[in-house]
Amino acid sequence: MLKIVPDPPHPNPYAAHTLEDLLVQISEYLVCALTVSQQTVLLHTKPPAQVLTLAAMHEIDNARTLVELALSRVQSRH
């Protein structure tokens, strides 16, 4: 029998993803954010602007390290 009414979409677009998929996607976003920050440091050569960008780069890099650690633990369970 054919289904006349389609299933409603997921309320959360990320609900169907596994934890591993989400961690990989977060890691990719953090790499992009780090690249943008590095380019910003090159564009803004004055110290006040560079200090904030370098601080942001430090935090992004630390977050990426934590995501990579979590991802390695998820992958080691499989």
PDB file of N, CA and C in Angstrom:
ATOM      1  N   MET A   1       0.842  -1.174   0.000  1.00  0.00           N
ATOM      2  CA  MET A   1       0.000   0.000   0.000  1.00  0.00           C
ATOM      3  C   MET A   1       0.891   1.241   0.000  1.00  0.00           C
ATOM      4  N   LEU A   2       0.571   2.205  -0.831  1.00  0.00           N
ATOM      5  CA  LEU A   2       1.347   3.433  -0.918  1.00  0.00           C
ATOM      6  C   LEU A   2       0.987   4.380   0.216  1.00  0.00           C
ATOM      7  N   LYS A   3       1.989   5.052   0.674  1.00  0.00           N
ATOM      8  CA  LYS A   3       1.797   6.026   1.745  1.00  0.00           C
ATOM      9  C   LYS A   3       1.445   7.363   1.110  1.00  0.00           C
ATOM     10  N   ILE A   4       0.306   7.917   1.477  1.00  0.00           N
ATOM     11  CA  ILE A   4      -0.168   9.156   0.862  1.00  0.00           C
ATOM     12  C   ILE A   4       0.463  10.385   1.511  1.00  0.00           C
ATOM     13  N   VAL A   5       0.593  10.360   2.825  1.00  0.00           N
ATOM     14  CA  VAL A   5       1.122  11.506   3.560  1.00  0.00           C
ATOM     15  C   VAL A   5       2.574  11.220   3.942  1.00  0.00           C
ATOM     16  N   PRO A   6       3.524  12.087   3.573  1.00  0.00           N
ATOM     17  CA  PRO A   6       4.927  11.833   3.939  1.00  0.00           C
ATOM     18  C   PRO A   6       5.157  12.069   5.433  1.00  0.00           C
ATOM     19  N   ASP A   7       6.222  11.479   5.930  1.00  0.00           N
ATOM     20  CA  ASP A   7       6.598  11.701   7.318  1.00  0.00           C
ATOM     21  C   ASP A   7       6.991  13.159   7.516  1.00  0.00           C
ATOM     22  N   PRO A   8       6.683  13.731   8.685  1.00  0.00           N
ATOM     23  CA  PRO A   8       7.096  15.120   8.929  1.00  0.00           C
ATOM     24  C   PRO A   8       8.616  15.183   9.070  1.00  0.00           C
ATOM     25  N   PRO A   9       9.212  16.323   8.758  1.00  0.00           N
ATOM     26  CA  PRO A   9      10.669  16.441   8.895  1.00  0.00           C
ATOM     27  C   PRO A   9      11.066  16.404  10.363  1.00  0.00           C
ATOM     28  N   HIS A  10      12.315  16.044  10.602  1.00  0.00           N
ATOM     29  CA  HIS A  10      12.829  16.049  11.973  1.00  0.00           C
ATOM     30  C   HIS A  10      12.812  17.482  12.505  1.00  0.00           C
ATOM     31  N   PRO A  11      12.383  17.677  13.753  1.00  0.00           N
ATOM     32  CA  PRO A  11      12.396  19.039  14.302  1.00  0.00           C
ATOM     33  C   PRO A  11      13.816  19.587  14.435  1.00  0.00           C
ATOM     34  N   ASN A  12      14.773  18.703  14.672  1.00  0.00           N
ATOM     35  CA  ASN A  12      16.162  19.105  14.791  1.00  0.00           C
ATOM     36  C   ASN A  12      16.926  18.499  13.618  1.00  0.00           C
ATOM     37  N   PRO A  13      17.550  19.304  12.764  1.00  0.00           N
ATOM     38  CA  PRO A  13      18.234  18.744  11.597  1.00  0.00           C
ATOM     39  C   PRO A  13      19.420  17.844  11.961  1.00  0.00           C
ATOM     40  N   TYR A  14      19.945  17.972  13.175  1.00  0.00           N
ATOM     41  CA  TYR A  14      21.090  17.166  13.598  1.00  0.00           C
ATOM     42  C   TYR A  14      20.680  15.926  14.378  1.00  0.00           C
ATOM     43  N   ALA A  15      19.393  15.696  14.543  1.00  0.00           N
ATOM     44  CA  ALA A  15      18.922  14.587  15.359  1.00  0.00           C
ATOM     45  C   ALA A  15      19.303  13.231  14.775  1.00  0.00           C
ATOM     46  N   ALA A  16      19.414  13.128  13.471  1.00  0.00           N
ATOM     47  CA  ALA A  16      19.715  11.851  12.838  1.00  0.00           C
ATOM     48  C   ALA A  16      21.215  11.533  12.828  1.00  0.00           C
ATOM     49  N   HIS A  17      22.053  12.486  13.187  1.00  0.00           N
ATOM     50  CA  HIS A  17      23.501  12.286  13.158  1.00  0.00           C
ATOM     51  C   HIS A  17      23.980  11.565  14.415  1.00  0.00           C
ATOM     52  N   THR A  18      25.042  10.798  14.257  1.00  0.00           N
ATOM     53  CA  THR A  18      25.655  10.147  15.410  1.00  0.00           C
ATOM     54  C   THR A  18      26.548  11.153  16.136  1.00  0.00           C
ATOM     55  N   LEU A  19      26.944  10.796  17.337  1.00  0.00           N
ATOM     56  CA  LEU A  19      27.840  11.659  18.098  1.00  0.00           C
ATOM     57  C   LEU A  19      29.161  11.848  17.361  1.00  0.00           C
ATOM     58  N   GLU A  20      29.644  10.787  16.747  1.00  0.00           N
ATOM     59  CA  GLU A  20      30.887  10.866  15.988  1.00  0.00           C
ATOM     60  C   GLU A  20      30.762  11.841  14.817  1.00  0.00           C
ATOM     61  N   ASP A  21      29.645  11.787  14.100  1.00  0.00           N
ATOM     62  CA  ASP A  21      29.416  12.711  12.979  1.00  0.00           C
ATOM     63  C   ASP A  21      29.386  14.159  13.460  1.00  0.00           C
ATOM     64  N   LEU A  22      28.736  14.388  14.585  1.00  0.00           N
ATOM     65  CA  LEU A  22      28.653  15.749  15.125  1.00  0.00           C
ATOM     66  C   LEU A  22      30.031  16.265  15.542  1.00  0.00           C
ATOM     67  N   LEU A  23      30.833  15.412  16.167  1.00  0.00           N
ATOM     68  CA  LEU A  23      32.170  15.828  16.582  1.00  0.00           C
ATOM     69  C   LEU A  23      33.054  16.146  15.370  1.00  0.00           C
ATOM     70  N   VAL A  24      32.933  15.367  14.311  1.00  0.00           N
ATOM     71  CA  VAL A  24      33.700  15.639  13.100  1.00  0.00           C
ATOM     72  C   VAL A  24      33.270  16.973  12.501  1.00  0.00           C
ATOM     73  N   GLN A  25      31.971  17.229  12.470  1.00  0.00           N
ATOM     74  CA  GLN A  25      31.472  18.486  11.917  1.00  0.00           C
ATOM     75  C   GLN A  25      31.916  19.678  12.775  1.00  0.00           C
ATOM     76  N   ILE A  26      31.880  19.533  14.078  1.00  0.00           N
ATOM     77  CA  ILE A  26      32.353  20.600  14.973  1.00  0.00           C
ATOM     78  C   ILE A  26      33.835  20.865  14.725  1.00  0.00           C
ATOM     79  N   SER A  27      34.611  19.804  14.575  1.00  0.00           N
ATOM     80  CA  SER A  27      36.039  19.954  14.320  1.00  0.00           C
ATOM     81  C   SER A  27      36.289  20.718  13.023  1.00  0.00           C
ATOM     82  N   GLU A  28      35.505  20.422  12.002  1.00  0.00           N
ATOM     83  CA  GLU A  28      35.653  21.132  10.725  1.00  0.00           C
ATOM     84  C   GLU A  28      35.296  22.614  10.861  1.00  0.00           C
ATOM     85  N   TYR A  29      34.249  22.914  11.620  1.00  0.00           N
ATOM     86  CA  TYR A  29      33.898  24.324  11.859  1.00  0.00           C
ATOM     87  C   TYR A  29      35.018  25.043  12.610  1.00  0.00           C
ATOM     88  N   LEU A  30      35.634  24.359  13.568  1.00  0.00           N
ATOM     89  CA  LEU A  30      36.712  24.982  14.335  1.00  0.00           C
ATOM     90  C   LEU A  30      37.946  25.219  13.471  1.00  0.00           C
ATOM     91  N   VAL A  31      38.235  24.313  12.554  1.00  0.00           N
ATOM     92  CA  VAL A  31      39.358  24.521  11.631  1.00  0.00           C
ATOM     93  C   VAL A  31      39.090  25.753  10.771  1.00  0.00           C
ATOM     94  N   CYS A  32      37.860  25.897  10.289  1.00  0.00           N
ATOM     95  CA  CYS A  32      37.505  27.085   9.490  1.00  0.00           C
ATOM     96  C   CYS A  32      37.636  28.364  10.315  1.00  0.00           C
ATOM     97  N   ALA A  33      37.166  28.335  11.545  1.00  0.00           N
ATOM     98  CA  ALA A  33      37.255  29.512  12.414  1.00  0.00           C
ATOM     99  C   ALA A  33      38.707  29.867  12.696  1.00  0.00           C
ATOM    100  N   LEU A  34      39.549  28.861  12.886  1.00  0.00           N
ATOM    101  CA  LEU A  34      40.964  29.110  13.131  1.00  0.00           C
ATOM    102  C   LEU A  34      41.635  29.717  11.897  1.00  0.00           C
ATOM    103  N   THR A  35      41.275  29.245  10.726  1.00  0.00           N
ATOM    104  CA  THR A  35      41.836  29.783   9.484  1.00  0.00           C
ATOM    105  C   THR A  35      41.439  31.241   9.290  1.00  0.00           C
ATOM    106  N   VAL A  36      40.181  31.550   9.561  1.00  0.00           N
ATOM    107  CA  VAL A  36      39.720  32.941   9.446  1.00  0.00           C
ATOM    108  C   VAL A  36      40.468  33.822  10.444  1.00  0.00           C
ATOM    109  N   SER A  37      40.661  33.332  11.651  1.00  0.00           N
ATOM    110  CA  SER A  37      41.395  34.102  12.666  1.00  0.00           C
ATOM    111  C   SER A  37      42.838  34.344  12.238  1.00  0.00           C
ATOM    112  N   GLN A  38      43.473  33.325  11.670  1.00  0.00           N
ATOM    113  CA  GLN A  38      44.856  33.493  11.207  1.00  0.00           C
ATOM    114  C   GLN A  38      44.948  34.539  10.108  1.00  0.00           C
ATOM    115  N   GLN A  39      43.990  34.552   9.203  1.00  0.00           N
ATOM    116  CA  GLN A  39      43.984  35.558   8.145  1.00  0.00           C
ATOM    117  C   GLN A  39      43.739  36.954   8.713  1.00  0.00           C
ATOM    118  N   THR A  40      42.923  37.044   9.752  1.00  0.00           N
ATOM    119  CA  THR A  40      42.642  38.328  10.383  1.00  0.00           C
ATOM    120  C   THR A  40      43.893  38.903  11.030  1.00  0.00           C
ATOM    121  N   VAL A  41      44.702  38.044  11.637  1.00  0.00           N
ATOM    122  CA  VAL A  41      45.962  38.507  12.230  1.00  0.00           C
ATOM    123  C   VAL A  41      46.864  39.102  11.155  1.00  0.00           C
ATOM    124  N   LEU A  42      46.878  38.480   9.986  1.00  0.00           N
ATOM    125  CA  LEU A  42      47.718  38.994   8.903  1.00  0.00           C
ATOM    126  C   LEU A  42      47.202  40.320   8.342  1.00  0.00           C
ATOM    127  N   LEU A  43      45.888  40.505   8.374  1.00  0.00           N
ATOM    128  CA  LEU A  43      45.304  41.739   7.839  1.00  0.00           C
ATOM    129  C   LEU A  43      45.416  42.910   8.809  1.00  0.00           C
ATOM    130  N   HIS A  44      45.265  42.646  10.084  1.00  0.00           N
ATOM    131  CA  HIS A  44      45.309  43.700  11.100  1.00  0.00           C
ATOM    132  C   HIS A  44      46.664  43.641  11.805  1.00  0.00           C
ATOM    133  N   THR A  45      47.546  44.528  11.396  1.00  0.00           N
ATOM    134  CA  THR A  45      48.921  44.479  11.907  1.00  0.00           C
ATOM    135  C   THR A  45      49.115  45.277  13.194  1.00  0.00           C
ATOM    136  N   LYS A  46      48.122  46.008  13.620  1.00  0.00           N
ATOM    137  CA  LYS A  46      48.252  46.793  14.855  1.00  0.00           C
ATOM    138  C   LYS A  46      48.007  45.889  16.066  1.00  0.00           C
ATOM    139  N   PRO A  47      48.805  46.042  17.122  1.00  0.00           N
ATOM    140  CA  PRO A  47      48.705  45.160  18.285  1.00  0.00           C
ATOM    141  C   PRO A  47      47.323  45.040  18.947  1.00  0.00           C
ATOM    142  N   PRO A  48      46.531  46.114  19.133  1.00  0.00           N
ATOM    143  CA  PRO A  48      45.248  45.908  19.811  1.00  0.00           C
ATOM    144  C   PRO A  48      44.325  44.912  19.103  1.00  0.00           C
ATOM    145  N   ALA A  49      44.262  44.994  17.789  1.00  0.00           N
ATOM    146  CA  ALA A  49      43.407  44.067  17.043  1.00  0.00           C
ATOM    147  C   ALA A  49      43.998  42.668  17.048  1.00  0.00           C
ATOM    148  N   GLN A  50      45.318  42.582  16.972  1.00  0.00           N
ATOM    149  CA  GLN A  50      45.964  41.275  16.950  1.00  0.00           C
ATOM    150  C   GLN A  50      45.818  40.540  18.275  1.00  0.00           C
ATOM    151  N   VAL A  51      45.863  41.258  19.375  1.00  0.00           N
ATOM    152  CA  VAL A  51      45.783  40.614  20.691  1.00  0.00           C
ATOM    153  C   VAL A  51      44.460  39.874  20.849  1.00  0.00           C
ATOM    154  N   LEU A  52      43.363  40.511  20.484  1.00  0.00           N
ATOM    155  CA  LEU A  52      42.061  39.855  20.603  1.00  0.00           C
ATOM    156  C   LEU A  52      41.942  38.666  19.660  1.00  0.00           C
ATOM    157  N   THR A  53      42.456  38.822  18.451  1.00  0.00           N
ATOM    158  CA  THR A  53      42.386  37.724  17.491  1.00  0.00           C
ATOM    159  C   THR A  53      43.264  36.564  17.929  1.00  0.00           C
ATOM    160  N   LEU A  54      44.442  36.853  18.441  1.00  0.00           N
ATOM    161  CA  LEU A  54      45.317  35.789  18.942  1.00  0.00           C
ATOM    162  C   LEU A  54      44.691  35.072  20.131  1.00  0.00           C
ATOM    163  N   ALA A  55      43.995  35.810  20.983  1.00  0.00           N
ATOM    164  CA  ALA A  55      43.288  35.183  22.113  1.00  0.00           C
ATOM    165  C   ALA A  55      42.170  34.274  21.604  1.00  0.00           C
ATOM    166  N   ALA A  56      41.449  34.737  20.591  1.00  0.00           N
ATOM    167  CA  ALA A  56      40.394  33.909  19.999  1.00  0.00           C
ATOM    168  C   ALA A  56      40.987  32.661  19.360  1.00  0.00           C
ATOM    169  N   MET A  57      42.120  32.804  18.684  1.00  0.00           N
ATOM    170  CA  MET A  57      42.780  31.647  18.076  1.00  0.00           C
ATOM    171  C   MET A  57      43.188  30.628  19.129  1.00  0.00           C
ATOM    172  N   HIS A  58      43.683  31.110  20.253  1.00  0.00           N
ATOM    173  CA  HIS A  58      44.080  30.226  21.354  1.00  0.00           C
ATOM    174  C   HIS A  58      42.880  29.422  21.860  1.00  0.00           C
ATOM    175  N   GLU A  59      41.757  30.096  22.041  1.00  0.00           N
ATOM    176  CA  GLU A  59      40.555  29.413  22.532  1.00  0.00           C
ATOM    177  C   GLU A  59      40.009  28.422  21.504  1.00  0.00           C
ATOM    178  N   ILE A  60      40.022  28.810  20.228  1.00  0.00           N
ATOM    179  CA  ILE A  60      39.544  27.916  19.166  1.00  0.00           C
ATOM    180  C   ILE A  60      40.431  26.674  19.096  1.00  0.00           C
ATOM    181  N   ASP A  61      41.733  26.869  19.202  1.00  0.00           N
ATOM    182  CA  ASP A  61      42.653  25.737  19.146  1.00  0.00           C
ATOM    183  C   ASP A  61      42.449  24.796  20.334  1.00  0.00           C
ATOM    184  N   ASN A  62      42.218  25.345  21.511  1.00  0.00           N
ATOM    185  CA  ASN A  62      41.948  24.508  22.689  1.00  0.00           C
ATOM    186  C   ASN A  62      40.641  23.736  22.529  1.00  0.00           C
ATOM    187  N   ALA A  63      39.624  24.388  21.993  1.00  0.00           N
ATOM    188  CA  ALA A  63      38.341  23.706  21.762  1.00  0.00           C
ATOM    189  C   ALA A  63      38.522  22.587  20.741  1.00  0.00           C
ATOM    190  N   ARG A  64      39.293  22.839  19.707  1.00  0.00           N
ATOM    191  CA  ARG A  64      39.544  21.817  18.682  1.00  0.00           C
ATOM    192  C   ARG A  64      40.287  20.626  19.274  1.00  0.00           C
ATOM    193  N   THR A  65      41.238  20.888  20.154  1.00  0.00           N
ATOM    194  CA  THR A  65      41.972  19.809  20.820  1.00  0.00           C
ATOM    195  C   THR A  65      41.025  18.943  21.642  1.00  0.00           C
ATOM    196  N   LEU A  66      40.108  19.572  22.363  1.00  0.00           N
ATOM    197  CA  LEU A  66      39.140  18.822  23.162  1.00  0.00           C
ATOM    198  C   LEU A  66      38.200  18.001  22.283  1.00  0.00           C
ATOM    199  N   VAL A  67      37.772  18.562  21.153  1.00  0.00           N
ATOM    200  CA  VAL A  67      36.897  17.828  20.234  1.00  0.00           C
ATOM    201  C   VAL A  67      37.634  16.633  19.659  1.00  0.00           C
ATOM    202  N   GLU A  68      38.901  16.817  19.294  1.00  0.00           N
ATOM    203  CA  GLU A  68      39.690  15.710  18.751  1.00  0.00           C
ATOM    204  C   GLU A  68      39.873  14.611  19.799  1.00  0.00           C
ATOM    205  N   LEU A  69      40.076  14.990  21.052  1.00  0.00           N
ATOM    206  CA  LEU A  69      40.192  14.010  22.138  1.00  0.00           C
ATOM    207  C   LEU A  69      38.885  13.235  22.302  1.00  0.00           C
ATOM    208  N   ALA A  70      37.767  13.949  22.303  1.00  0.00           N
ATOM    209  CA  ALA A  70      36.460  13.294  22.419  1.00  0.00           C
ATOM    210  C   ALA A  70      36.207  12.374  21.235  1.00  0.00           C
ATOM    211  N   LEU A  71      36.586  12.822  20.055  1.00  0.00           N
ATOM    212  CA  LEU A  71      36.397  12.011  18.848  1.00  0.00           C
ATOM    213  C   LEU A  71      37.231  10.735  18.914  1.00  0.00           C
ATOM    214  N   SER A  72      38.451  10.836  19.406  1.00  0.00           N
ATOM    215  CA  SER A  72      39.288   9.637  19.522  1.00  0.00           C
ATOM    216  C   SER A  72      38.706   8.651  20.532  1.00  0.00           C
ATOM    217  N   ARG A  73      38.081   9.157  21.582  1.00  0.00           N
ATOM    218  CA  ARG A  73      37.469   8.266  22.567  1.00  0.00           C
ATOM    219  C   ARG A  73      36.212   7.609  22.009  1.00  0.00           C
ATOM    220  N   VAL A  74      35.449   8.334  21.213  1.00  0.00           N
ATOM    221  CA  VAL A  74      34.256   7.756  20.584  1.00  0.00           C
ATOM    222  C   VAL A  74      34.668   6.680  19.597  1.00  0.00           C
ATOM    223  N   GLN A  75      35.702   6.955  18.798  1.00  0.00           N
ATOM    224  CA  GLN A  75      36.155   5.996  17.794  1.00  0.00           C
ATOM    225  C   GLN A  75      36.778   4.761  18.431  1.00  0.00           C
ATOM    226  N   SER A  76      37.424   4.913  19.598  1.00  0.00           N
ATOM    227  CA  SER A  76      38.047   3.761  20.236  1.00  0.00           C
ATOM    228  C   SER A  76      37.013   2.795  20.826  1.00  0.00           C
ATOM    229  N   ARG A  77      35.810   3.261  21.059  1.00  0.00           N
ATOM    230  CA  ARG A  77      34.750   2.395  21.575  1.00  0.00           C
ATOM    231  C   ARG A  77      34.181   1.482  20.507  1.00  0.00           C
ATOM    232  N   HIS A  78      34.348   1.864  19.250  1.00  0.00           N
ATOM    233  CA  HIS A  78      33.768   1.070  18.151  1.00  0.00           C
ATOM    234  C   HIS A  78      34.694  -0.023  17.720  1.00  0.00           C
TER     235      HIS A  78
END
